[in-house]
Amino acid sequence: MIITTREDTIFLRIFAAVILSGKQLSDSIKAELAAEVALFPERYGRAPHLAVILVGEDPASVTYVRNKERACEKVGIQNTTIRLPETTAEEDLLARIAALNADPGVDGILIQLPLPAQIDELTAIKAIAREKDVDGFHPENVAALWRRRTEPEPNPQYCVPCTPRGIIRLIKAAGVDIEGKRAVVVGRSNIVGLPVSKLLLNENATVTICHSHTRDLASITRSAEILVVAAGQRALITGDMVAPGAVVIDVGINRGEDGRLYGDVDFESVAPKAAVITPVPGGVGPMTICSLLENTIDCFINRQ
């Protein structure tokens, strides 16, 4: 356990945070997934197949897609990346999605966001067959997440969004018992803030959601035993805004003028007070890709 009843242990944890490496955890999970997938050709006749659609050449998107390709290769998942020009019309993208939906050899479909202005993101997401929606963004999958009190195991019939799934996995890997904890989520996006709030509720945490219109943000974040920050604002959370011994999960990815990546949490001032904290980079990011692999495998198994 990260926090115990021993006074000396509590002292050490409060003033020397455990840095929770998503990279190390994801490497361990990938090794387990690779061993599982290696058995699939004999058991099911083939390996899972993920299709990724990339429209345009957004540098961050290109990097994300490349990392997904490498992760699939490491685990043994077949990966097809469809690269389309920036000028692709919406109807052409929808036709590509329809073809992938109809292909029995494709188990998961992912559209790399953001999309060019001429394509409506929700229209594209809704076009993906629900059972192949590895991002968990399809409206029916979102509704399924909010309808269920707990996620069925081991293979849910819907996909949980990748970053929230990875966050819960990180917190549990730290030995933190979420049940009964006061959790604060800063950010209310459909991709992270809202779904991770529901997953925390599923674990019986008491959840408060904060956003850009929240008054006196610091007074709320100081009440958190678990603090998840996904606001997209560099160093929004500073040391004076965090309670001693808190579990701090930093989802932010912000590129500074020096070219380095920074989180939404000011690591230097928060780490001395936190019991557990994730770094940026190397924290939540690797777990997002790991969760994508798990979702792809779930979709594959559910279709057998």
Protein backbone atom coordinates (compact mmCIF):
# COMPACT_ATOMS: atom_id res chain seq x y z
CA MET A 1 0.00 0.00 0.00
CA ILE A 2 1.16 3.53 -0.68
CA ILE A 3 -0.29 5.05 2.50
CA THR A 4 -0.13 3.06 5.75
CA THR A 5 -0.93 3.72 9.39
CA ARG A 6 2.71 3.83 10.42
CA GLU A 7 3.64 7.39 11.30
CA ASP A 8 7.17 7.13 9.90
CA THR A 9 5.86 5.76 6.60
CA ILE A 10 3.26 8.51 6.32
CA PHE A 11 5.96 11.11 6.89
CA LEU A 12 8.16 9.68 4.17
CA ARG A 13 5.29 9.48 1.68
CA ILE A 14 4.09 13.02 2.31
CA PHE A 15 7.46 14.56 1.73
CA ALA A 16 8.79 12.22 -0.95
CA ALA A 17 6.10 11.37 -3.50
CA VAL A 18 6.11 8.04 -5.27
CA ILE A 19 6.55 8.84 -8.96
CA LEU A 20 4.16 6.53 -10.76
CA SER A 21 5.66 5.48 -14.10
CA GLY A 22 3.04 4.70 -16.71
CA LYS A 23 5.81 3.55 -18.99
CA GLN A 24 6.96 0.80 -16.64
CA LEU A 25 3.42 -0.37 -15.96
CA SER A 26 2.48 -0.33 -19.65
CA ASP A 27 5.59 -2.33 -20.56
CA SER A 28 4.56 -4.97 -18.04
CA ILE A 29 0.99 -5.09 -19.36
CA LYS A 30 2.17 -5.26 -22.98
CA ALA A 31 4.28 -8.30 -22.15
CA GLU A 32 1.18 -10.01 -20.71
CA LEU A 33 -0.89 -9.01 -23.75
CA ALA A 34 1.76 -10.32 -26.13
CA ALA A 35 1.67 -13.71 -24.42
CA GLU A 36 -2.14 -13.74 -24.68
CA VAL A 37 -2.24 -12.67 -28.33
CA ALA A 38 0.35 -15.30 -29.28
CA LEU A 39 -2.28 -17.94 -28.51
CA PHE A 40 -5.00 -16.39 -30.67
CA PRO A 41 -4.01 -17.81 -34.09
CA GLU A 42 -4.43 -21.35 -32.78
CA ARG A 43 -7.52 -20.52 -30.71
CA TYR A 44 -9.33 -18.15 -33.09
CA GLY A 45 -7.51 -18.53 -36.39
CA ARG A 46 -5.88 -15.09 -36.43
CA ALA A 47 -4.67 -12.12 -34.36
CA PRO A 48 -6.73 -8.99 -33.61
CA HIS A 49 -6.68 -6.30 -36.30
CA LEU A 50 -6.74 -2.54 -35.60
CA ALA A 51 -7.35 -0.03 -38.39
CA VAL A 52 -6.28 3.58 -37.79
CA ILE A 53 -7.36 6.46 -40.05
CA LEU A 54 -5.11 9.52 -40.15
CA VAL A 55 -6.37 12.53 -42.10
CA GLY A 56 -3.69 15.13 -42.77
CA GLU A 57 -0.18 15.55 -41.37
CA ASP A 58 -0.69 17.16 -37.97
CA PRO A 59 2.71 16.57 -36.30
CA ALA A 60 1.29 15.43 -32.96
CA SER A 61 -1.17 13.10 -34.68
CA VAL A 62 1.57 11.61 -36.85
CA THR A 63 3.61 10.90 -33.71
CA TYR A 64 0.65 9.34 -31.89
CA VAL A 65 -0.14 7.08 -34.85
CA ARG A 66 3.48 5.98 -35.13
CA ASN A 67 3.52 5.10 -31.42
CA LYS A 68 0.33 3.08 -31.85
CA GLU A 69 1.86 1.19 -34.77
CA ARG A 70 4.91 0.29 -32.68
CA ALA A 71 2.77 -0.81 -29.73
CA CYS A 72 0.65 -3.07 -31.95
CA GLU A 73 3.75 -4.64 -33.43
CA LYS A 74 5.19 -5.29 -29.97
CA VAL A 75 2.04 -7.07 -28.79
CA GLY A 76 1.32 -8.92 -32.03
CA ILE A 77 -1.81 -7.04 -33.07
CA GLN A 78 -2.18 -6.53 -36.82
CA ASN A 79 -2.23 -2.83 -37.62
CA THR A 80 -3.36 -1.02 -40.75
CA THR A 81 -2.89 2.74 -40.95
CA ILE A 82 -4.90 4.51 -43.65
CA ARG A 83 -3.33 7.88 -44.43
CA LEU A 84 -5.59 10.38 -46.18
CA PRO A 85 -4.76 13.90 -47.41
CA GLU A 86 -5.76 17.00 -45.45
CA THR A 87 -8.28 17.86 -48.19
CA THR A 88 -10.25 14.61 -47.82
CA ALA A 89 -14.00 15.25 -48.08
CA GLU A 90 -16.29 14.05 -45.32
CA GLU A 91 -18.15 11.68 -47.61
CA ASP A 92 -14.88 10.05 -48.67
CA LEU A 93 -13.91 9.46 -45.04
CA LEU A 94 -17.36 8.02 -44.29
CA ALA A 95 -16.99 5.65 -47.23
CA ARG A 96 -13.65 4.43 -45.83
CA ILE A 97 -15.24 3.86 -42.43
CA ALA A 98 -18.15 1.96 -43.99
CA ALA A 99 -15.73 -0.36 -45.78
CA LEU A 100 -13.88 -1.08 -42.51
CA ASN A 101 -17.19 -1.69 -40.71
CA ALA A 102 -18.08 -4.29 -43.35
CA ASP A 103 -14.68 -6.01 -43.26
CA PRO A 104 -14.93 -9.09 -40.99
CA GLY A 105 -11.15 -9.11 -40.62
CA VAL A 106 -11.09 -5.71 -38.91
CA ASP A 107 -11.86 -5.73 -35.17
CA GLY A 108 -11.16 -2.15 -34.13
CA ILE A 109 -11.39 1.21 -35.88
CA LEU A 110 -9.81 4.43 -34.64
CA ILE A 111 -9.99 7.88 -36.22
CA GLN A 112 -7.06 10.00 -35.12
CA LEU A 113 -8.33 13.34 -33.84
CA PRO A 114 -8.43 16.21 -34.52
CA LEU A 115 -9.90 16.13 -38.02
CA PRO A 116 -9.70 18.91 -40.64
CA ALA A 117 -12.39 21.60 -40.47
CA GLN A 118 -14.41 20.23 -43.40
CA ILE A 119 -15.13 16.99 -41.49
CA ASP A 120 -17.53 16.90 -38.55
CA GLU A 121 -15.92 14.82 -35.79
CA LEU A 122 -19.16 13.56 -34.28
CA THR A 123 -20.45 12.47 -37.69
CA ALA A 124 -17.26 10.50 -38.27
CA ILE A 125 -17.32 8.92 -34.80
CA LYS A 126 -20.98 7.93 -35.14
CA ALA A 127 -20.17 6.24 -38.47
CA ILE A 128 -17.91 3.68 -36.75
CA ALA A 129 -19.69 0.44 -35.88
CA ARG A 130 -20.22 0.44 -32.13
CA GLU A 131 -18.65 -2.99 -31.72
CA LYS A 132 -15.44 -1.77 -33.44
CA ASP A 133 -15.18 1.56 -31.60
CA VAL A 134 -11.91 1.08 -29.70
CA ASP A 135 -11.86 4.72 -28.53
CA GLY A 136 -15.20 4.38 -26.76
CA PHE A 137 -16.45 7.63 -28.30
CA HIS A 138 -19.51 6.32 -30.16
CA PRO A 139 -22.68 7.78 -28.57
CA GLU A 140 -24.02 4.30 -27.81
CA ASN A 141 -20.79 3.35 -26.05
CA VAL A 142 -20.83 6.61 -24.08
CA ALA A 143 -24.42 5.87 -23.04
CA ALA A 144 -23.45 2.32 -22.05
CA LEU A 145 -20.68 3.64 -19.81
CA TRP A 146 -23.05 5.99 -17.99
CA ARG A 147 -25.82 3.40 -17.68
CA ARG A 148 -23.69 0.79 -15.96
CA ARG A 149 -22.71 1.08 -12.33
CA THR A 150 -19.72 -1.20 -12.72
CA GLU A 151 -17.72 -2.35 -15.73
CA PRO A 152 -18.21 -6.03 -16.58
CA GLU A 153 -15.05 -8.11 -16.51
CA PRO A 154 -12.94 -9.20 -18.19
CA ASN A 155 -14.25 -8.11 -21.60
CA PRO A 156 -16.95 -5.42 -21.51
CA GLN A 157 -19.38 -5.31 -24.41
CA TYR A 158 -18.46 -1.65 -24.87
CA CYS A 159 -15.08 0.10 -24.79
CA VAL A 160 -14.12 2.51 -22.05
CA PRO A 161 -12.20 5.55 -23.41
CA CYS A 162 -8.51 4.75 -23.37
CA THR A 163 -7.08 7.53 -21.19
CA PRO A 164 -9.66 7.13 -18.38
CA ARG A 165 -9.18 3.35 -18.43
CA GLY A 166 -5.43 3.86 -18.11
CA ILE A 167 -5.84 6.34 -15.25
CA ILE A 168 -7.85 3.91 -13.14
CA ARG A 169 -5.27 1.19 -13.86
CA LEU A 170 -2.47 3.53 -12.73
CA ILE A 171 -4.21 4.46 -9.48
CA LYS A 172 -4.87 0.83 -8.61
CA ALA A 173 -1.30 -0.14 -9.51
CA ALA A 174 -0.11 2.33 -6.88
CA GLY A 175 -1.97 0.30 -4.28
CA VAL A 176 -4.56 3.02 -3.72
CA ASP A 177 -8.01 1.91 -2.61
CA ILE A 178 -10.35 4.26 -4.48
CA GLU A 179 -13.48 3.30 -2.55
CA GLY A 180 -14.71 6.08 -0.27
CA LYS A 181 -12.00 8.54 -1.36
CA ARG A 182 -12.73 12.18 -2.17
CA ALA A 183 -11.81 12.55 -5.85
CA VAL A 184 -11.59 15.83 -7.76
CA VAL A 185 -11.40 15.91 -11.55
CA VAL A 186 -10.28 19.17 -13.15
CA GLY A 187 -11.62 19.20 -16.71
CA ARG A 188 -14.92 18.06 -18.19
CA SER A 189 -14.05 16.88 -21.69
CA ASN A 190 -15.85 13.95 -23.27
CA ILE A 191 -12.49 12.27 -23.82
CA VAL A 192 -11.08 12.37 -20.27
CA GLY A 193 -12.85 14.46 -17.64
CA LEU A 194 -16.38 13.10 -17.83
CA PRO A 195 -15.59 9.40 -18.41
CA VAL A 196 -12.89 9.25 -15.72
CA SER A 197 -15.37 10.83 -13.31
CA LYS A 198 -17.80 8.00 -14.06
CA LEU A 199 -15.12 5.35 -13.64
CA LEU A 200 -14.18 6.85 -10.27
CA LEU A 201 -17.85 6.77 -9.29
CA ASN A 202 -17.94 3.12 -10.35
CA GLU A 203 -15.14 2.53 -7.84
CA ASN A 204 -17.27 4.21 -5.14
CA ALA A 205 -15.28 7.44 -4.88
CA THR A 206 -17.08 10.70 -4.09
CA VAL A 207 -16.41 12.81 -7.17
CA THR A 208 -16.33 16.57 -7.77
CA ILE A 209 -15.86 17.87 -11.33
CA CYS A 210 -14.21 21.28 -11.79
CA HIS A 211 -13.89 23.35 -14.97
CA SER A 212 -13.01 26.81 -16.30
CA HIS A 213 -15.98 28.43 -14.56
CA THR A 214 -15.29 26.88 -11.14
CA ARG A 215 -14.90 29.49 -8.44
CA ASP A 216 -12.03 29.20 -5.95
CA LEU A 217 -10.57 26.14 -7.62
CA ALA A 218 -7.82 25.81 -5.02
CA SER A 219 -10.28 25.31 -2.15
CA ILE A 220 -11.78 22.34 -4.00
CA THR A 221 -8.54 20.73 -5.17
CA ARG A 222 -7.18 20.92 -1.60
CA SER A 223 -10.05 18.66 -0.51
CA ALA A 224 -9.00 15.90 -2.91
CA GLU A 225 -7.48 12.64 -1.80
CA ILE A 226 -7.32 11.73 -5.50
CA LEU A 227 -6.76 14.61 -7.93
CA VAL A 228 -7.01 14.07 -11.70
CA VAL A 229 -6.05 17.10 -13.78
CA ALA A 230 -7.02 17.21 -17.47
CA ALA A 231 -7.53 20.89 -18.20
CA GLY A 232 -4.98 21.52 -20.95
CA GLN A 233 -3.32 24.40 -19.10
CA ARG A 234 0.34 24.23 -18.14
CA ALA A 235 1.08 24.36 -14.39
CA LEU A 236 -2.55 25.09 -13.51
CA ILE A 237 -2.21 23.15 -10.26
CA THR A 238 0.53 24.32 -7.89
CA GLY A 239 1.74 23.03 -4.56
CA ASP A 240 -0.51 25.27 -2.48
CA MET A 241 -3.55 23.75 -4.24
CA VAL A 242 -2.86 20.15 -3.18
CA ALA A 243 -3.44 18.43 0.14
CA PRO A 244 -0.53 16.58 1.78
CA GLY A 245 -0.62 12.92 0.86
CA ALA A 246 -2.84 13.32 -2.21
CA VAL A 247 -2.70 11.03 -5.25
CA VAL A 248 -2.11 13.35 -8.23
CA ILE A 249 -2.70 12.18 -11.81
CA ASP A 250 -1.52 14.68 -14.44
CA VAL A 251 -3.14 14.16 -17.85
CA GLY A 252 -1.93 17.42 -19.39
CA ILE A 253 0.41 17.56 -22.39
CA ASN A 254 1.64 21.10 -23.08
CA ARG A 255 4.68 21.94 -25.20
CA GLY A 256 6.77 24.76 -23.80
CA GLU A 257 8.78 27.36 -25.70
CA ASP A 258 11.85 25.21 -25.01
CA GLY A 259 10.25 22.32 -26.90
CA ARG A 260 9.80 20.20 -23.78
CA LEU A 261 6.51 18.68 -22.64
CA TYR A 262 4.88 19.92 -19.45
CA GLY A 263 1.81 18.82 -17.57
CA ASP A 264 -1.15 20.65 -16.09
CA VAL A 265 0.47 20.15 -12.68
CA ASP A 266 3.52 22.09 -11.54
CA PHE A 267 5.55 19.00 -10.74
CA GLU A 268 8.29 20.72 -8.76
CA SER A 269 5.95 22.31 -6.21
CA VAL A 270 3.37 19.50 -6.03
CA ALA A 271 5.64 16.44 -5.81
CA PRO A 272 6.96 17.26 -2.30
CA LYS A 273 3.38 17.25 -0.96
CA ALA A 274 1.84 14.35 -2.89
CA ALA A 275 1.90 10.69 -1.88
CA VAL A 276 1.78 9.61 -5.53
CA ILE A 277 2.25 11.66 -8.69
CA THR A 278 2.53 10.89 -12.39
CA PRO A 279 5.26 12.52 -14.46
CA VAL A 280 4.89 14.24 -17.83
CA PRO A 281 5.92 12.66 -20.11
CA GLY A 282 5.96 9.00 -19.10
CA GLY A 283 2.89 8.93 -16.88
CA VAL A 284 -0.62 8.73 -18.31
CA GLY A 285 0.43 8.80 -21.98
CA PRO A 286 1.87 5.27 -22.21
CA MET A 287 -1.18 3.90 -20.41
CA THR A 288 -3.48 5.45 -23.01
CA ILE A 289 -1.86 3.43 -25.78
CA CYS A 290 -1.79 0.35 -23.57
CA SER A 291 -5.54 0.71 -22.99
CA LEU A 292 -6.07 1.01 -26.75
CA LEU A 293 -4.40 -2.38 -27.18
CA GLU A 294 -6.62 -3.85 -24.47
CA ASN A 295 -9.73 -2.37 -26.08
CA THR A 296 -8.73 -3.84 -29.45
CA ILE A 297 -8.32 -7.27 -27.90
CA ASP A 298 -11.69 -6.91 -26.13
CA CYS A 299 -13.39 -6.00 -29.41
CA PHE A 300 -11.74 -8.97 -31.11
CA ILE A 301 -12.85 -11.46 -28.43
CA ASN A 302 -16.37 -10.05 -28.25
CA ARG A 303 -16.77 -10.61 -32.01
CA GLN A 304 -15.80 -14.29 -31.89
